[in-house]
Amino acid sequence: MHFPTRWDPFFNDYMTLEDIYAYPGQHFAFHARQLTLNPAAH
């Protein structure tokens, strides 16, 4: 399925169902790291 890549850095032009199901976790973790005052080393 094609997705608009400009909407989010985790969107790819073509995403599988597995990619789509993984997206919410990736999106949440990304913003959680942005909002963390003392980020853990990754």
N, C-alpha and C. Protein backbone atom coordinates (compact mmCIF):
# COMPACT_ATOMS: atom_id res chain seq x y z
N MET A 1 0.85 -1.17 0.00
CA MET A 1 0.00 0.00 0.00
C MET A 1 0.90 1.24 0.00
N HIS A 2 0.55 2.22 -0.78
CA HIS A 2 1.36 3.44 -0.87
C HIS A 2 0.93 4.46 0.18
N PHE A 3 1.92 5.13 0.75
CA PHE A 3 1.68 6.15 1.78
C PHE A 3 2.39 7.43 1.40
N PRO A 4 1.83 8.59 1.81
CA PRO A 4 2.51 9.86 1.54
C PRO A 4 3.72 10.01 2.46
N THR A 5 4.91 9.98 1.91
CA THR A 5 6.13 9.99 2.72
C THR A 5 6.38 11.32 3.41
N ARG A 6 5.75 12.39 2.99
CA ARG A 6 5.94 13.68 3.64
C ARG A 6 5.20 13.79 4.97
N TRP A 7 4.26 12.92 5.24
CA TRP A 7 3.46 13.02 6.46
C TRP A 7 4.25 12.68 7.70
N ASP A 8 5.16 11.73 7.61
CA ASP A 8 5.84 11.23 8.80
C ASP A 8 7.17 10.60 8.39
N PRO A 9 8.21 10.76 9.20
CA PRO A 9 9.50 10.18 8.81
C PRO A 9 9.51 8.65 8.79
N PHE A 10 8.52 8.02 9.42
CA PHE A 10 8.47 6.56 9.45
C PHE A 10 7.65 5.98 8.30
N PHE A 11 7.00 6.82 7.51
CA PHE A 11 6.27 6.33 6.35
C PHE A 11 7.25 6.07 5.21
N ASN A 12 7.04 4.99 4.53
CA ASN A 12 7.77 4.69 3.31
C ASN A 12 6.79 4.75 2.16
N ASP A 13 7.29 4.89 0.95
CA ASP A 13 6.41 4.95 -0.21
C ASP A 13 5.51 3.72 -0.26
N TYR A 14 6.08 2.56 0.04
CA TYR A 14 5.32 1.32 0.06
C TYR A 14 5.50 0.67 1.42
N MET A 15 4.40 0.35 2.09
CA MET A 15 4.46 -0.26 3.41
C MET A 15 3.64 -1.54 3.44
N THR A 16 4.20 -2.57 4.05
CA THR A 16 3.48 -3.83 4.21
C THR A 16 2.56 -3.72 5.41
N LEU A 17 1.71 -4.69 5.60
CA LEU A 17 0.83 -4.71 6.76
C LEU A 17 1.66 -4.76 8.04
N GLU A 18 2.76 -5.48 8.02
CA GLU A 18 3.66 -5.53 9.19
C GLU A 18 4.21 -4.14 9.50
N ASP A 19 4.60 -3.38 8.47
CA ASP A 19 5.10 -2.02 8.67
C ASP A 19 4.02 -1.13 9.29
N ILE A 20 2.81 -1.27 8.81
CA ILE A 20 1.70 -0.45 9.31
C ILE A 20 1.41 -0.76 10.77
N TYR A 21 1.45 -2.04 11.14
CA TYR A 21 1.21 -2.40 12.54
C TYR A 21 2.36 -1.96 13.44
N ALA A 22 3.57 -1.86 12.93
CA ALA A 22 4.73 -1.42 13.72
C ALA A 22 4.76 0.10 13.87
N TYR A 23 4.10 0.82 13.00
CA TYR A 23 4.16 2.27 12.98
C TYR A 23 3.76 2.94 14.30
N PRO A 24 2.64 2.60 14.93
CA PRO A 24 2.26 3.31 16.16
C PRO A 24 3.34 3.25 17.25
N GLY A 25 3.96 2.10 17.41
CA GLY A 25 5.02 1.97 18.41
C GLY A 25 6.23 2.82 18.07
N GLN A 26 6.61 2.83 16.80
CA GLN A 26 7.74 3.67 16.36
C GLN A 26 7.43 5.14 16.58
N HIS A 27 6.23 5.54 16.22
CA HIS A 27 5.81 6.94 16.34
C HIS A 27 5.80 7.37 17.80
N PHE A 28 5.23 6.55 18.67
CA PHE A 28 5.18 6.87 20.09
C PHE A 28 6.58 6.95 20.69
N ALA A 29 7.44 5.97 20.39
CA ALA A 29 8.80 5.96 20.94
C ALA A 29 9.58 7.19 20.48
N PHE A 30 9.38 7.60 19.23
CA PHE A 30 10.05 8.78 18.71
C PHE A 30 9.68 10.02 19.53
N HIS A 31 8.38 10.22 19.75
CA HIS A 31 7.94 11.40 20.50
C HIS A 31 8.26 11.28 21.98
N ALA A 32 8.25 10.09 22.52
CA ALA A 32 8.63 9.90 23.92
C ALA A 32 10.08 10.32 24.12
N ARG A 33 10.95 9.97 23.17
CA ARG A 33 12.36 10.39 23.26
C ARG A 33 12.48 11.90 23.14
N GLN A 34 11.66 12.53 22.31
CA GLN A 34 11.70 13.98 22.16
C GLN A 34 11.31 14.67 23.47
N LEU A 35 10.39 14.09 24.20
CA LEU A 35 9.86 14.72 25.40
C LEU A 35 10.60 14.33 26.67
N THR A 36 11.56 13.44 26.57
CA THR A 36 12.32 12.99 27.73
C THR A 36 13.42 14.00 28.03
N LEU A 37 13.49 14.44 29.30
CA LEU A 37 14.50 15.43 29.68
C LEU A 37 15.89 14.83 29.73
N ASN A 38 16.01 13.58 30.17
CA ASN A 38 17.30 12.92 30.28
C ASN A 38 17.25 11.62 29.49
N PRO A 39 17.40 11.72 28.16
CA PRO A 39 17.24 10.50 27.34
C PRO A 39 18.30 9.45 27.65
N ALA A 40 17.87 8.22 27.67
CA ALA A 40 18.78 7.09 27.88
C ALA A 40 19.60 6.88 26.61
N ALA A 41 20.78 6.35 26.77
CA ALA A 41 21.63 6.08 25.61
C ALA A 41 21.02 4.95 24.79
N HIS A 42 21.00 5.13 23.48
CA HIS A 42 20.42 4.10 22.59
C HIS A 42 21.51 3.53 21.75
